[in-house]
């Protein structure tokens, strides 16, 4: 099932803006 964007853990190190759902949805 698809989910709302932002449902999967973010990608990003300290000081970086997170990117979401690279491995999901």
PDBML (XML) file of the C-alpha atoms, coordinates in Angstrom:
<?xml version="1.0" encoding="UTF-8" ?>
<PDBx:datablock datablockName="MODEL"
   xmlns:PDBx="http://pdbml.pdb.org/schema/pdbx-v50.xsd"
   xmlns:xsi="http://www.w3.org/2001/XMLSchema-instance"
   xsi:schemaLocation="http://pdbml.pdb.org/schema/pdbx-v50.xsd pdbx-v50.xsd">
   <PDBx:atom_siteCategory>
      <PDBx:atom_site id="1">
         <PDBx:B_iso_or_equiv>0.00</PDBx:B_iso_or_equiv>
         <PDBx:Cartn_x>0.000</PDBx:Cartn_x>
         <PDBx:Cartn_y>0.000</PDBx:Cartn_y>
         <PDBx:Cartn_z>0.000</PDBx:Cartn_z>
         <PDBx:auth_asym_id>A</PDBx:auth_asym_id>
         <PDBx:auth_atom_id>CA</PDBx:auth_atom_id>
         <PDBx:auth_comp_id>UNK</PDBx:auth_comp_id>
         <PDBx:auth_seq_id>1</PDBx:auth_seq_id>
         <PDBx:group_PDB>ATOM</PDBx:group_PDB>
         <PDBx:label_alt_id xsi:nil="true" />
         <PDBx:label_asym_id>A</PDBx:label_asym_id>
         <PDBx:label_atom_id>CA</PDBx:label_atom_id>
         <PDBx:label_comp_id>UNK</PDBx:label_comp_id>
         <PDBx:label_entity_id>1</PDBx:label_entity_id>
         <PDBx:label_seq_id>1</PDBx:label_seq_id>
         <PDBx:occupancy>1.00</PDBx:occupancy>
         <PDBx:pdbx_PDB_model_num>1</PDBx:pdbx_PDB_model_num>
         <PDBx:type_symbol>C</PDBx:type_symbol>
      </PDBx:atom_site>
      <PDBx:atom_site id="2">
         <PDBx:B_iso_or_equiv>0.00</PDBx:B_iso_or_equiv>
         <PDBx:Cartn_x>1.132</PDBx:Cartn_x>
         <PDBx:Cartn_y>3.534</PDBx:Cartn_y>
         <PDBx:Cartn_z>-0.704</PDBx:Cartn_z>
         <PDBx:auth_asym_id>A</PDBx:auth_asym_id>
         <PDBx:auth_atom_id>CA</PDBx:auth_atom_id>
         <PDBx:auth_comp_id>UNK</PDBx:auth_comp_id>
         <PDBx:auth_seq_id>2</PDBx:auth_seq_id>
         <PDBx:group_PDB>ATOM</PDBx:group_PDB>
         <PDBx:label_alt_id xsi:nil="true" />
         <PDBx:label_asym_id>A</PDBx:label_asym_id>
         <PDBx:label_atom_id>CA</PDBx:label_atom_id>
         <PDBx:label_comp_id>UNK</PDBx:label_comp_id>
         <PDBx:label_entity_id>1</PDBx:label_entity_id>
         <PDBx:label_seq_id>2</PDBx:label_seq_id>
         <PDBx:occupancy>1.00</PDBx:occupancy>
         <PDBx:pdbx_PDB_model_num>1</PDBx:pdbx_PDB_model_num>
         <PDBx:type_symbol>C</PDBx:type_symbol>
      </PDBx:atom_site>
      <PDBx:atom_site id="3">
         <PDBx:B_iso_or_equiv>0.00</PDBx:B_iso_or_equiv>
         <PDBx:Cartn_x>1.405</PDBx:Cartn_x>
         <PDBx:Cartn_y>5.986</PDBx:Cartn_y>
         <PDBx:Cartn_z>2.175</PDBx:Cartn_z>
         <PDBx:auth_asym_id>A</PDBx:auth_asym_id>
         <PDBx:auth_atom_id>CA</PDBx:auth_atom_id>
         <PDBx:auth_comp_id>UNK</PDBx:auth_comp_id>
         <PDBx:auth_seq_id>3</PDBx:auth_seq_id>
         <PDBx:group_PDB>ATOM</PDBx:group_PDB>
         <PDBx:label_alt_id xsi:nil="true" />
         <PDBx:label_asym_id>A</PDBx:label_asym_id>
         <PDBx:label_atom_id>CA</PDBx:label_atom_id>
         <PDBx:label_comp_id>UNK</PDBx:label_comp_id>
         <PDBx:label_entity_id>1</PDBx:label_entity_id>
         <PDBx:label_seq_id>3</PDBx:label_seq_id>
         <PDBx:occupancy>1.00</PDBx:occupancy>
         <PDBx:pdbx_PDB_model_num>1</PDBx:pdbx_PDB_model_num>
         <PDBx:type_symbol>C</PDBx:type_symbol>
      </PDBx:atom_site>
      <PDBx:atom_site id="4">
         <PDBx:B_iso_or_equiv>0.00</PDBx:B_iso_or_equiv>
         <PDBx:Cartn_x>1.513</PDBx:Cartn_x>
         <PDBx:Cartn_y>9.745</PDBx:Cartn_y>
         <PDBx:Cartn_z>2.584</PDBx:Cartn_z>
         <PDBx:auth_asym_id>A</PDBx:auth_asym_id>
         <PDBx:auth_atom_id>CA</PDBx:auth_atom_id>
         <PDBx:auth_comp_id>UNK</PDBx:auth_comp_id>
         <PDBx:auth_seq_id>4</PDBx:auth_seq_id>
         <PDBx:group_PDB>ATOM</PDBx:group_PDB>
         <PDBx:label_alt_id xsi:nil="true" />
         <PDBx:label_asym_id>A</PDBx:label_asym_id>
         <PDBx:label_atom_id>CA</PDBx:label_atom_id>
         <PDBx:label_comp_id>UNK</PDBx:label_comp_id>
         <PDBx:label_entity_id>1</PDBx:label_entity_id>
         <PDBx:label_seq_id>4</PDBx:label_seq_id>
         <PDBx:occupancy>1.00</PDBx:occupancy>
         <PDBx:pdbx_PDB_model_num>1</PDBx:pdbx_PDB_model_num>
         <PDBx:type_symbol>C</PDBx:type_symbol>
      </PDBx:atom_site>
      <PDBx:atom_site id="5">
         <PDBx:B_iso_or_equiv>0.00</PDBx:B_iso_or_equiv>
         <PDBx:Cartn_x>4.914</PDBx:Cartn_x>
         <PDBx:Cartn_y>11.190</PDBx:Cartn_y>
         <PDBx:Cartn_z>1.727</PDBx:Cartn_z>
         <PDBx:auth_asym_id>A</PDBx:auth_asym_id>
         <PDBx:auth_atom_id>CA</PDBx:auth_atom_id>
         <PDBx:auth_comp_id>UNK</PDBx:auth_comp_id>
         <PDBx:auth_seq_id>5</PDBx:auth_seq_id>
         <PDBx:group_PDB>ATOM</PDBx:group_PDB>
         <PDBx:label_alt_id xsi:nil="true" />
         <PDBx:label_asym_id>A</PDBx:label_asym_id>
         <PDBx:label_atom_id>CA</PDBx:label_atom_id>
         <PDBx:label_comp_id>UNK</PDBx:label_comp_id>
         <PDBx:label_entity_id>1</PDBx:label_entity_id>
         <PDBx:label_seq_id>5</PDBx:label_seq_id>
         <PDBx:occupancy>1.00</PDBx:occupancy>
         <PDBx:pdbx_PDB_model_num>1</PDBx:pdbx_PDB_model_num>
         <PDBx:type_symbol>C</PDBx:type_symbol>
      </PDBx:atom_site>
      <PDBx:atom_site id="6">
         <PDBx:B_iso_or_equiv>0.00</PDBx:B_iso_or_equiv>
         <PDBx:Cartn_x>7.147</PDBx:Cartn_x>
         <PDBx:Cartn_y>11.517</PDBx:Cartn_y>
         <PDBx:Cartn_z>4.765</PDBx:Cartn_z>
         <PDBx:auth_asym_id>A</PDBx:auth_asym_id>
         <PDBx:auth_atom_id>CA</PDBx:auth_atom_id>
         <PDBx:auth_comp_id>UNK</PDBx:auth_comp_id>
         <PDBx:auth_seq_id>6</PDBx:auth_seq_id>
         <PDBx:group_PDB>ATOM</PDBx:group_PDB>
         <PDBx:label_alt_id xsi:nil="true" />
         <PDBx:label_asym_id>A</PDBx:label_asym_id>
         <PDBx:label_atom_id>CA</PDBx:label_atom_id>
         <PDBx:label_comp_id>UNK</PDBx:label_comp_id>
         <PDBx:label_entity_id>1</PDBx:label_entity_id>
         <PDBx:label_seq_id>6</PDBx:label_seq_id>
         <PDBx:occupancy>1.00</PDBx:occupancy>
         <PDBx:pdbx_PDB_model_num>1</PDBx:pdbx_PDB_model_num>
         <PDBx:type_symbol>C</PDBx:type_symbol>
      </PDBx:atom_site>
      <PDBx:atom_site id="7">
         <PDBx:B_iso_or_equiv>0.00</PDBx:B_iso_or_equiv>
         <PDBx:Cartn_x>5.957</PDBx:Cartn_x>
         <PDBx:Cartn_y>8.199</PDBx:Cartn_y>
         <PDBx:Cartn_z>6.192</PDBx:Cartn_z>
         <PDBx:auth_asym_id>A</PDBx:auth_asym_id>
         <PDBx:auth_atom_id>CA</PDBx:auth_atom_id>
         <PDBx:auth_comp_id>UNK</PDBx:auth_comp_id>
         <PDBx:auth_seq_id>7</PDBx:auth_seq_id>
         <PDBx:group_PDB>ATOM</PDBx:group_PDB>
         <PDBx:label_alt_id xsi:nil="true" />
         <PDBx:label_asym_id>A</PDBx:label_asym_id>
         <PDBx:label_atom_id>CA</PDBx:label_atom_id>
         <PDBx:label_comp_id>UNK</PDBx:label_comp_id>
         <PDBx:label_entity_id>1</PDBx:label_entity_id>
         <PDBx:label_seq_id>7</PDBx:label_seq_id>
         <PDBx:occupancy>1.00</PDBx:occupancy>
         <PDBx:pdbx_PDB_model_num>1</PDBx:pdbx_PDB_model_num>
         <PDBx:type_symbol>C</PDBx:type_symbol>
      </PDBx:atom_site>
      <PDBx:atom_site id="8">
         <PDBx:B_iso_or_equiv>0.00</PDBx:B_iso_or_equiv>
         <PDBx:Cartn_x>9.358</PDBx:Cartn_x>
         <PDBx:Cartn_y>6.522</PDBx:Cartn_y>
         <PDBx:Cartn_z>5.866</PDBx:Cartn_z>
         <PDBx:auth_asym_id>A</PDBx:auth_asym_id>
         <PDBx:auth_atom_id>CA</PDBx:auth_atom_id>
         <PDBx:auth_comp_id>UNK</PDBx:auth_comp_id>
         <PDBx:auth_seq_id>8</PDBx:auth_seq_id>
         <PDBx:group_PDB>ATOM</PDBx:group_PDB>
         <PDBx:label_alt_id xsi:nil="true" />
         <PDBx:label_asym_id>A</PDBx:label_asym_id>
         <PDBx:label_atom_id>CA</PDBx:label_atom_id>
         <PDBx:label_comp_id>UNK</PDBx:label_comp_id>
         <PDBx:label_entity_id>1</PDBx:label_entity_id>
         <PDBx:label_seq_id>8</PDBx:label_seq_id>
         <PDBx:occupancy>1.00</PDBx:occupancy>
         <PDBx:pdbx_PDB_model_num>1</PDBx:pdbx_PDB_model_num>
         <PDBx:type_symbol>C</PDBx:type_symbol>
      </PDBx:atom_site>
      <PDBx:atom_site id="9">
         <PDBx:B_iso_or_equiv>0.00</PDBx:B_iso_or_equiv>
         <PDBx:Cartn_x>12.430</PDBx:Cartn_x>
         <PDBx:Cartn_y>7.430</PDBx:Cartn_y>
         <PDBx:Cartn_z>7.876</PDBx:Cartn_z>
         <PDBx:auth_asym_id>A</PDBx:auth_asym_id>
         <PDBx:auth_atom_id>CA</PDBx:auth_atom_id>
         <PDBx:auth_comp_id>UNK</PDBx:auth_comp_id>
         <PDBx:auth_seq_id>9</PDBx:auth_seq_id>
         <PDBx:group_PDB>ATOM</PDBx:group_PDB>
         <PDBx:label_alt_id xsi:nil="true" />
         <PDBx:label_asym_id>A</PDBx:label_asym_id>
         <PDBx:label_atom_id>CA</PDBx:label_atom_id>
         <PDBx:label_comp_id>UNK</PDBx:label_comp_id>
         <PDBx:label_entity_id>1</PDBx:label_entity_id>
         <PDBx:label_seq_id>9</PDBx:label_seq_id>
         <PDBx:occupancy>1.00</PDBx:occupancy>
         <PDBx:pdbx_PDB_model_num>1</PDBx:pdbx_PDB_model_num>
         <PDBx:type_symbol>C</PDBx:type_symbol>
      </PDBx:atom_site>
      <PDBx:atom_site id="10">
         <PDBx:B_iso_or_equiv>0.00</PDBx:B_iso_or_equiv>
         <PDBx:Cartn_x>14.417</PDBx:Cartn_x>
         <PDBx:Cartn_y>10.432</PDBx:Cartn_y>
         <PDBx:Cartn_z>6.616</PDBx:Cartn_z>
         <PDBx:auth_asym_id>A</PDBx:auth_asym_id>
         <PDBx:auth_atom_id>CA</PDBx:auth_atom_id>
         <PDBx:auth_comp_id>UNK</PDBx:auth_comp_id>
         <PDBx:auth_seq_id>10</PDBx:auth_seq_id>
         <PDBx:group_PDB>ATOM</PDBx:group_PDB>
         <PDBx:label_alt_id xsi:nil="true" />
         <PDBx:label_asym_id>A</PDBx:label_asym_id>
         <PDBx:label_atom_id>CA</PDBx:label_atom_id>
         <PDBx:label_comp_id>UNK</PDBx:label_comp_id>
         <PDBx:label_entity_id>1</PDBx:label_entity_id>
         <PDBx:label_seq_id>10</PDBx:label_seq_id>
         <PDBx:occupancy>1.00</PDBx:occupancy>
         <PDBx:pdbx_PDB_model_num>1</PDBx:pdbx_PDB_model_num>
         <PDBx:type_symbol>C</PDBx:type_symbol>
      </PDBx:atom_site>
      <PDBx:atom_site id="11">
         <PDBx:B_iso_or_equiv>0.00</PDBx:B_iso_or_equiv>
         <PDBx:Cartn_x>17.831</PDBx:Cartn_x>
         <PDBx:Cartn_y>10.405</PDBx:Cartn_y>
         <PDBx:Cartn_z>5.019</PDBx:Cartn_z>
         <PDBx:auth_asym_id>A</PDBx:auth_asym_id>
         <PDBx:auth_atom_id>CA</PDBx:auth_atom_id>
         <PDBx:auth_comp_id>UNK</PDBx:auth_comp_id>
         <PDBx:auth_seq_id>11</PDBx:auth_seq_id>
         <PDBx:group_PDB>ATOM</PDBx:group_PDB>
         <PDBx:label_alt_id xsi:nil="true" />
         <PDBx:label_asym_id>A</PDBx:label_asym_id>
         <PDBx:label_atom_id>CA</PDBx:label_atom_id>
         <PDBx:label_comp_id>UNK</PDBx:label_comp_id>
         <PDBx:label_entity_id>1</PDBx:label_entity_id>
         <PDBx:label_seq_id>11</PDBx:label_seq_id>
         <PDBx:occupancy>1.00</PDBx:occupancy>
         <PDBx:pdbx_PDB_model_num>1</PDBx:pdbx_PDB_model_num>
         <PDBx:type_symbol>C</PDBx:type_symbol>
      </PDBx:atom_site>
      <PDBx:atom_site id="12">
         <PDBx:B_iso_or_equiv>0.00</PDBx:B_iso_or_equiv>
         <PDBx:Cartn_x>20.216</PDBx:Cartn_x>
         <PDBx:Cartn_y>13.049</PDBx:Cartn_y>
         <PDBx:Cartn_z>6.335</PDBx:Cartn_z>
         <PDBx:auth_asym_id>A</PDBx:auth_asym_id>
         <PDBx:auth_atom_id>CA</PDBx:auth_atom_id>
         <PDBx:auth_comp_id>UNK</PDBx:auth_comp_id>
         <PDBx:auth_seq_id>12</PDBx:auth_seq_id>
         <PDBx:group_PDB>ATOM</PDBx:group_PDB>
         <PDBx:label_alt_id xsi:nil="true" />
         <PDBx:label_asym_id>A</PDBx:label_asym_id>
         <PDBx:label_atom_id>CA</PDBx:label_atom_id>
         <PDBx:label_comp_id>UNK</PDBx:label_comp_id>
         <PDBx:label_entity_id>1</PDBx:label_entity_id>
         <PDBx:label_seq_id>12</PDBx:label_seq_id>
         <PDBx:occupancy>1.00</PDBx:occupancy>
         <PDBx:pdbx_PDB_model_num>1</PDBx:pdbx_PDB_model_num>
         <PDBx:type_symbol>C</PDBx:type_symbol>
      </PDBx:atom_site>
      <PDBx:atom_site id="13">
         <PDBx:B_iso_or_equiv>0.00</PDBx:B_iso_or_equiv>
         <PDBx:Cartn_x>23.130</PDBx:Cartn_x>
         <PDBx:Cartn_y>13.588</PDBx:Cartn_y>
         <PDBx:Cartn_z>8.642</PDBx:Cartn_z>
         <PDBx:auth_asym_id>A</PDBx:auth_asym_id>
         <PDBx:auth_atom_id>CA</PDBx:auth_atom_id>
         <PDBx:auth_comp_id>UNK</PDBx:auth_comp_id>
         <PDBx:auth_seq_id>13</PDBx:auth_seq_id>
         <PDBx:group_PDB>ATOM</PDBx:group_PDB>
         <PDBx:label_alt_id xsi:nil="true" />
         <PDBx:label_asym_id>A</PDBx:label_asym_id>
         <PDBx:label_atom_id>CA</PDBx:label_atom_id>
         <PDBx:label_comp_id>UNK</PDBx:label_comp_id>
         <PDBx:label_entity_id>1</PDBx:label_entity_id>
         <PDBx:label_seq_id>13</PDBx:label_seq_id>
         <PDBx:occupancy>1.00</PDBx:occupancy>
         <PDBx:pdbx_PDB_model_num>1</PDBx:pdbx_PDB_model_num>
         <PDBx:type_symbol>C</PDBx:type_symbol>
      </PDBx:atom_site>
      <PDBx:atom_site id="14">
         <PDBx:B_iso_or_equiv>0.00</PDBx:B_iso_or_equiv>
         <PDBx:Cartn_x>23.407</PDBx:Cartn_x>
         <PDBx:Cartn_y>16.219</PDBx:Cartn_y>
         <PDBx:Cartn_z>11.366</PDBx:Cartn_z>
         <PDBx:auth_asym_id>A</PDBx:auth_asym_id>
         <PDBx:auth_atom_id>CA</PDBx:auth_atom_id>
         <PDBx:auth_comp_id>UNK</PDBx:auth_comp_id>
         <PDBx:auth_seq_id>14</PDBx:auth_seq_id>
         <PDBx:group_PDB>ATOM</PDBx:group_PDB>
         <PDBx:label_alt_id xsi:nil="true" />
         <PDBx:label_asym_id>A</PDBx:label_asym_id>
         <PDBx:label_atom_id>CA</PDBx:label_atom_id>
         <PDBx:label_comp_id>UNK</PDBx:label_comp_id>
         <PDBx:label_entity_id>1</PDBx:label_entity_id>
         <PDBx:label_seq_id>14</PDBx:label_seq_id>
         <PDBx:occupancy>1.00</PDBx:occupancy>
         <PDBx:pdbx_PDB_model_num>1</PDBx:pdbx_PDB_model_num>
         <PDBx:type_symbol>C</PDBx:type_symbol>
      </PDBx:atom_site>
      <PDBx:atom_site id="15">
         <PDBx:B_iso_or_equiv>0.00</PDBx:B_iso_or_equiv>
         <PDBx:Cartn_x>22.971</PDBx:Cartn_x>
         <PDBx:Cartn_y>19.688</PDBx:Cartn_y>
         <PDBx:Cartn_z>9.873</PDBx:Cartn_z>
         <PDBx:auth_asym_id>A</PDBx:auth_asym_id>
         <PDBx:auth_atom_id>CA</PDBx:auth_atom_id>
         <PDBx:auth_comp_id>UNK</PDBx:auth_comp_id>
         <PDBx:auth_seq_id>15</PDBx:auth_seq_id>
         <PDBx:group_PDB>ATOM</PDBx:group_PDB>
         <PDBx:label_alt_id xsi:nil="true" />
         <PDBx:label_asym_id>A</PDBx:label_asym_id>
         <PDBx:label_atom_id>CA</PDBx:label_atom_id>
         <PDBx:label_comp_id>UNK</PDBx:label_comp_id>
         <PDBx:label_entity_id>1</PDBx:label_entity_id>
         <PDBx:label_seq_id>15</PDBx:label_seq_id>
         <PDBx:occupancy>1.00</PDBx:occupancy>
         <PDBx:pdbx_PDB_model_num>1</PDBx:pdbx_PDB_model_num>
         <PDBx:type_symbol>C</PDBx:type_symbol>
      </PDBx:atom_site>
      <PDBx:atom_site id="16">
         <PDBx:B_iso_or_equiv>0.00</PDBx:B_iso_or_equiv>
         <PDBx:Cartn_x>21.342</PDBx:Cartn_x>
         <PDBx:Cartn_y>18.409</PDBx:Cartn_y>
         <PDBx:Cartn_z>6.668</PDBx:Cartn_z>
         <PDBx:auth_asym_id>A</PDBx:auth_asym_id>
         <PDBx:auth_atom_id>CA</PDBx:auth_atom_id>
         <PDBx:auth_comp_id>UNK</PDBx:auth_comp_id>
         <PDBx:auth_seq_id>16</PDBx:auth_seq_id>
         <PDBx:group_PDB>ATOM</PDBx:group_PDB>
         <PDBx:label_alt_id xsi:nil="true" />
         <PDBx:label_asym_id>A</PDBx:label_asym_id>
         <PDBx:label_atom_id>CA</PDBx:label_atom_id>
         <PDBx:label_comp_id>UNK</PDBx:label_comp_id>
         <PDBx:label_entity_id>1</PDBx:label_entity_id>
         <PDBx:label_seq_id>16</PDBx:label_seq_id>
         <PDBx:occupancy>1.00</PDBx:occupancy>
         <PDBx:pdbx_PDB_model_num>1</PDBx:pdbx_PDB_model_num>
         <PDBx:type_symbol>C</PDBx:type_symbol>
      </PDBx:atom_site>
      <PDBx:atom_site id="17">
         <PDBx:B_iso_or_equiv>0.00</PDBx:B_iso_or_equiv>
         <PDBx:Cartn_x>17.723</PDBx:Cartn_x>
         <PDBx:Cartn_y>18.936</PDBx:Cartn_y>
         <PDBx:Cartn_z>5.662</PDBx:Cartn_z>
         <PDBx:auth_asym_id>A</PDBx:auth_asym_id>
         <PDBx:auth_atom_id>CA</PDBx:auth_atom_id>
         <PDBx:auth_comp_id>UNK</PDBx:auth_comp_id>
         <PDBx:auth_seq_id>17</PDBx:auth_seq_id>
         <PDBx:group_PDB>ATOM</PDBx:group_PDB>
         <PDBx:label_alt_id xsi:nil="true" />
         <PDBx:label_asym_id>A</PDBx:label_asym_id>
         <PDBx:label_atom_id>CA</PDBx:label_atom_id>
         <PDBx:label_comp_id>UNK</PDBx:label_comp_id>
         <PDBx:label_entity_id>1</PDBx:label_entity_id>
         <PDBx:label_seq_id>17</PDBx:label_seq_id>
         <PDBx:occupancy>1.00</PDBx:occupancy>
         <PDBx:pdbx_PDB_model_num>1</PDBx:pdbx_PDB_model_num>
         <PDBx:type_symbol>C</PDBx:type_symbol>
      </PDBx:atom_site>
      <PDBx:atom_site id="18">
         <PDBx:B_iso_or_equiv>0.00</PDBx:B_iso_or_equiv>
         <PDBx:Cartn_x>16.073</PDBx:Cartn_x>
         <PDBx:Cartn_y>15.490</PDBx:Cartn_y>
         <PDBx:Cartn_z>5.607</PDBx:Cartn_z>
         <PDBx:auth_asym_id>A</PDBx:auth_asym_id>
         <PDBx:auth_atom_id>CA</PDBx:auth_atom_id>
         <PDBx:auth_comp_id>UNK</PDBx:auth_comp_id>
         <PDBx:auth_seq_id>18</PDBx:auth_seq_id>
         <PDBx:group_PDB>ATOM</PDBx:group_PDB>
         <PDBx:label_alt_id xsi:nil="true" />
         <PDBx:label_asym_id>A</PDBx:label_asym_id>
         <PDBx:label_atom_id>CA</PDBx:label_atom_id>
         <PDBx:label_comp_id>UNK</PDBx:label_comp_id>
         <PDBx:label_entity_id>1</PDBx:label_entity_id>
         <PDBx:label_seq_id>18</PDBx:label_seq_id>
         <PDBx:occupancy>1.00</PDBx:occupancy>
         <PDBx:pdbx_PDB_model_num>1</PDBx:pdbx_PDB_model_num>
         <PDBx:type_symbol>C</PDBx:type_symbol>
      </PDBx:atom_site>
      <PDBx:atom_site id="19">
         <PDBx:B_iso_or_equiv>0.00</PDBx:B_iso_or_equiv>
         <PDBx:Cartn_x>14.959</PDBx:Cartn_x>
         <PDBx:Cartn_y>13.736</PDBx:Cartn_y>
         <PDBx:Cartn_z>2.424</PDBx:Cartn_z>
         <PDBx:auth_asym_id>A</PDBx:auth_asym_id>
         <PDBx:auth_atom_id>CA</PDBx:auth_atom_id>
         <PDBx:auth_comp_id>UNK</PDBx:auth_comp_id>
         <PDBx:auth_seq_id>19</PDBx:auth_seq_id>
         <PDBx:group_PDB>ATOM</PDBx:group_PDB>
         <PDBx:label_alt_id xsi:nil="true" />
         <PDBx:label_asym_id>A</PDBx:label_asym_id>
         <PDBx:label_atom_id>CA</PDBx:label_atom_id>
         <PDBx:label_comp_id>UNK</PDBx:label_comp_id>
         <PDBx:label_entity_id>1</PDBx:label_entity_id>
         <PDBx:label_seq_id>19</PDBx:label_seq_id>
         <PDBx:occupancy>1.00</PDBx:occupancy>
         <PDBx:pdbx_PDB_model_num>1</PDBx:pdbx_PDB_model_num>
         <PDBx:type_symbol>C</PDBx:type_symbol>
      </PDBx:atom_site>
      <PDBx:atom_site id="20">
         <PDBx:B_iso_or_equiv>0.00</PDBx:B_iso_or_equiv>
         <PDBx:Cartn_x>12.101</PDBx:Cartn_x>
         <PDBx:Cartn_y>11.270</PDBx:Cartn_y>
         <PDBx:Cartn_z>2.780</PDBx:Cartn_z>
         <PDBx:auth_asym_id>A</PDBx:auth_asym_id>
         <PDBx:auth_atom_id>CA</PDBx:auth_atom_id>
         <PDBx:auth_comp_id>UNK</PDBx:auth_comp_id>
         <PDBx:auth_seq_id>20</PDBx:auth_seq_id>
         <PDBx:group_PDB>ATOM</PDBx:group_PDB>
         <PDBx:label_alt_id xsi:nil="true" />
         <PDBx:label_asym_id>A</PDBx:label_asym_id>
         <PDBx:label_atom_id>CA</PDBx:label_atom_id>
         <PDBx:label_comp_id>UNK</PDBx:label_comp_id>
         <PDBx:label_entity_id>1</PDBx:label_entity_id>
         <PDBx:label_seq_id>20</PDBx:label_seq_id>
         <PDBx:occupancy>1.00</PDBx:occupancy>
         <PDBx:pdbx_PDB_model_num>1</PDBx:pdbx_PDB_model_num>
         <PDBx:type_symbol>C</PDBx:type_symbol>
      </PDBx:atom_site>
      <PDBx:atom_site id="21">
         <PDBx:B_iso_or_equiv>0.00</PDBx:B_iso_or_equiv>
         <PDBx:Cartn_x>10.933</PDBx:Cartn_x>
         <PDBx:Cartn_y>8.016</PDBx:Cartn_y>
         <PDBx:Cartn_z>1.199</PDBx:Cartn_z>
         <PDBx:auth_asym_id>A</PDBx:auth_asym_id>
         <PDBx:auth_atom_id>CA</PDBx:auth_atom_id>
         <PDBx:auth_comp_id>UNK</PDBx:auth_comp_id>
         <PDBx:auth_seq_id>21</PDBx:auth_seq_id>
         <PDBx:group_PDB>ATOM</PDBx:group_PDB>
         <PDBx:label_alt_id xsi:nil="true" />
         <PDBx:label_asym_id>A</PDBx:label_asym_id>
         <PDBx:label_atom_id>CA</PDBx:label_atom_id>
         <PDBx:label_comp_id>UNK</PDBx:label_comp_id>
         <PDBx:label_entity_id>1</PDBx:label_entity_id>
         <PDBx:label_seq_id>21</PDBx:label_seq_id>
         <PDBx:occupancy>1.00</PDBx:occupancy>
         <PDBx:pdbx_PDB_model_num>1</PDBx:pdbx_PDB_model_num>
         <PDBx:type_symbol>C</PDBx:type_symbol>
      </PDBx:atom_site>
      <PDBx:atom_site id="22">
         <PDBx:B_iso_or_equiv>0.00</PDBx:B_iso_or_equiv>
         <PDBx:Cartn_x>14.025</PDBx:Cartn_x>
         <PDBx:Cartn_y>7.290</PDBx:Cartn_y>
         <PDBx:Cartn_z>-0.890</PDBx:Cartn_z>
         <PDBx:auth_asym_id>A</PDBx:auth_asym_id>
         <PDBx:auth_atom_id>CA</PDBx:auth_atom_id>
         <PDBx:auth_comp_id>UNK</PDBx:auth_comp_id>
         <PDBx:auth_seq_id>22</PDBx:auth_seq_id>
         <PDBx:group_PDB>ATOM</PDBx:group_PDB>
         <PDBx:label_alt_id xsi:nil="true" />
         <PDBx:label_asym_id>A</PDBx:label_asym_id>
         <PDBx:label_atom_id>CA</PDBx:label_atom_id>
         <PDBx:label_comp_id>UNK</PDBx:label_comp_id>
         <PDBx:label_entity_id>1</PDBx:label_entity_id>
         <PDBx:label_seq_id>22</PDBx:label_seq_id>
         <PDBx:occupancy>1.00</PDBx:occupancy>
         <PDBx:pdbx_PDB_model_num>1</PDBx:pdbx_PDB_model_num>
         <PDBx:type_symbol>C</PDBx:type_symbol>
      </PDBx:atom_site>
      <PDBx:atom_site id="23">
         <PDBx:B_iso_or_equiv>0.00</PDBx:B_iso_or_equiv>
         <PDBx:Cartn_x>13.679</PDBx:Cartn_x>
         <PDBx:Cartn_y>3.615</PDBx:Cartn_y>
         <PDBx:Cartn_z>-0.101</PDBx:Cartn_z>
         <PDBx:auth_asym_id>A</PDBx:auth_asym_id>
         <PDBx:auth_atom_id>CA</PDBx:auth_atom_id>
         <PDBx:auth_comp_id>UNK</PDBx:auth_comp_id>
         <PDBx:auth_seq_id>23</PDBx:auth_seq_id>
         <PDBx:group_PDB>ATOM</PDBx:group_PDB>
         <PDBx:label_alt_id xsi:nil="true" />
         <PDBx:label_asym_id>A</PDBx:label_asym_id>
         <PDBx:label_atom_id>CA</PDBx:label_atom_id>
         <PDBx:label_comp_id>UNK</PDBx:label_comp_id>
         <PDBx:label_entity_id>1</PDBx:label_entity_id>
         <PDBx:label_seq_id>23</PDBx:label_seq_id>
         <PDBx:occupancy>1.00</PDBx:occupancy>
         <PDBx:pdbx_PDB_model_num>1</PDBx:pdbx_PDB_model_num>
         <PDBx:type_symbol>C</PDBx:type_symbol>
      </PDBx:atom_site>
      <PDBx:atom_site id="24">
         <PDBx:B_iso_or_equiv>0.00</PDBx:B_iso_or_equiv>
         <PDBx:Cartn_x>9.934</PDBx:Cartn_x>
         <PDBx:Cartn_y>3.414</PDBx:Cartn_y>
         <PDBx:Cartn_z>0.359</PDBx:Cartn_z>
         <PDBx:auth_asym_id>A</PDBx:auth_asym_id>
         <PDBx:auth_atom_id>CA</PDBx:auth_atom_id>
         <PDBx:auth_comp_id>UNK</PDBx:auth_comp_id>
         <PDBx:auth_seq_id>24</PDBx:auth_seq_id>
         <PDBx:group_PDB>ATOM</PDBx:group_PDB>
         <PDBx:label_alt_id xsi:nil="true" />
         <PDBx:label_asym_id>A</PDBx:label_asym_id>
         <PDBx:label_atom_id>CA</PDBx:label_atom_id>
         <PDBx:label_comp_id>UNK</PDBx:label_comp_id>
         <PDBx:label_entity_id>1</PDBx:label_entity_id>
         <PDBx:label_seq_id>24</PDBx:label_seq_id>
         <PDBx:occupancy>1.00</PDBx:occupancy>
         <PDBx:pdbx_PDB_model_num>1</PDBx:pdbx_PDB_model_num>
         <PDBx:type_symbol>C</PDBx:type_symbol>
      </PDBx:atom_site>
      <PDBx:atom_site id="25">
         <PDBx:B_iso_or_equiv>0.00</PDBx:B_iso_or_equiv>
         <PDBx:Cartn_x>6.585</PDBx:Cartn_x>
         <PDBx:Cartn_y>4.269</PDBx:Cartn_y>
         <PDBx:Cartn_z>-1.200</PDBx:Cartn_z>
         <PDBx:auth_asym_id>A</PDBx:auth_asym_id>
         <PDBx:auth_atom_id>CA</PDBx:auth_atom_id>
         <PDBx:auth_comp_id>UNK</PDBx:auth_comp_id>
         <PDBx:auth_seq_id>25</PDBx:auth_seq_id>
         <PDBx:group_PDB>ATOM</PDBx:group_PDB>
         <PDBx:label_alt_id xsi:nil="true" />
         <PDBx:label_asym_id>A</PDBx:label_asym_id>
         <PDBx:label_atom_id>CA</PDBx:label_atom_id>
         <PDBx:label_comp_id>UNK</PDBx:label_comp_id>
         <PDBx:label_entity_id>1</PDBx:label_entity_id>
         <PDBx:label_seq_id>25</PDBx:label_seq_id>
         <PDBx:occupancy>1.00</PDBx:occupancy>
         <PDBx:pdbx_PDB_model_num>1</PDBx:pdbx_PDB_model_num>
         <PDBx:type_symbol>C</PDBx:type_symbol>
      </PDBx:atom_site>
   </PDBx:atom_siteCategory>
</PDBx:datablock>
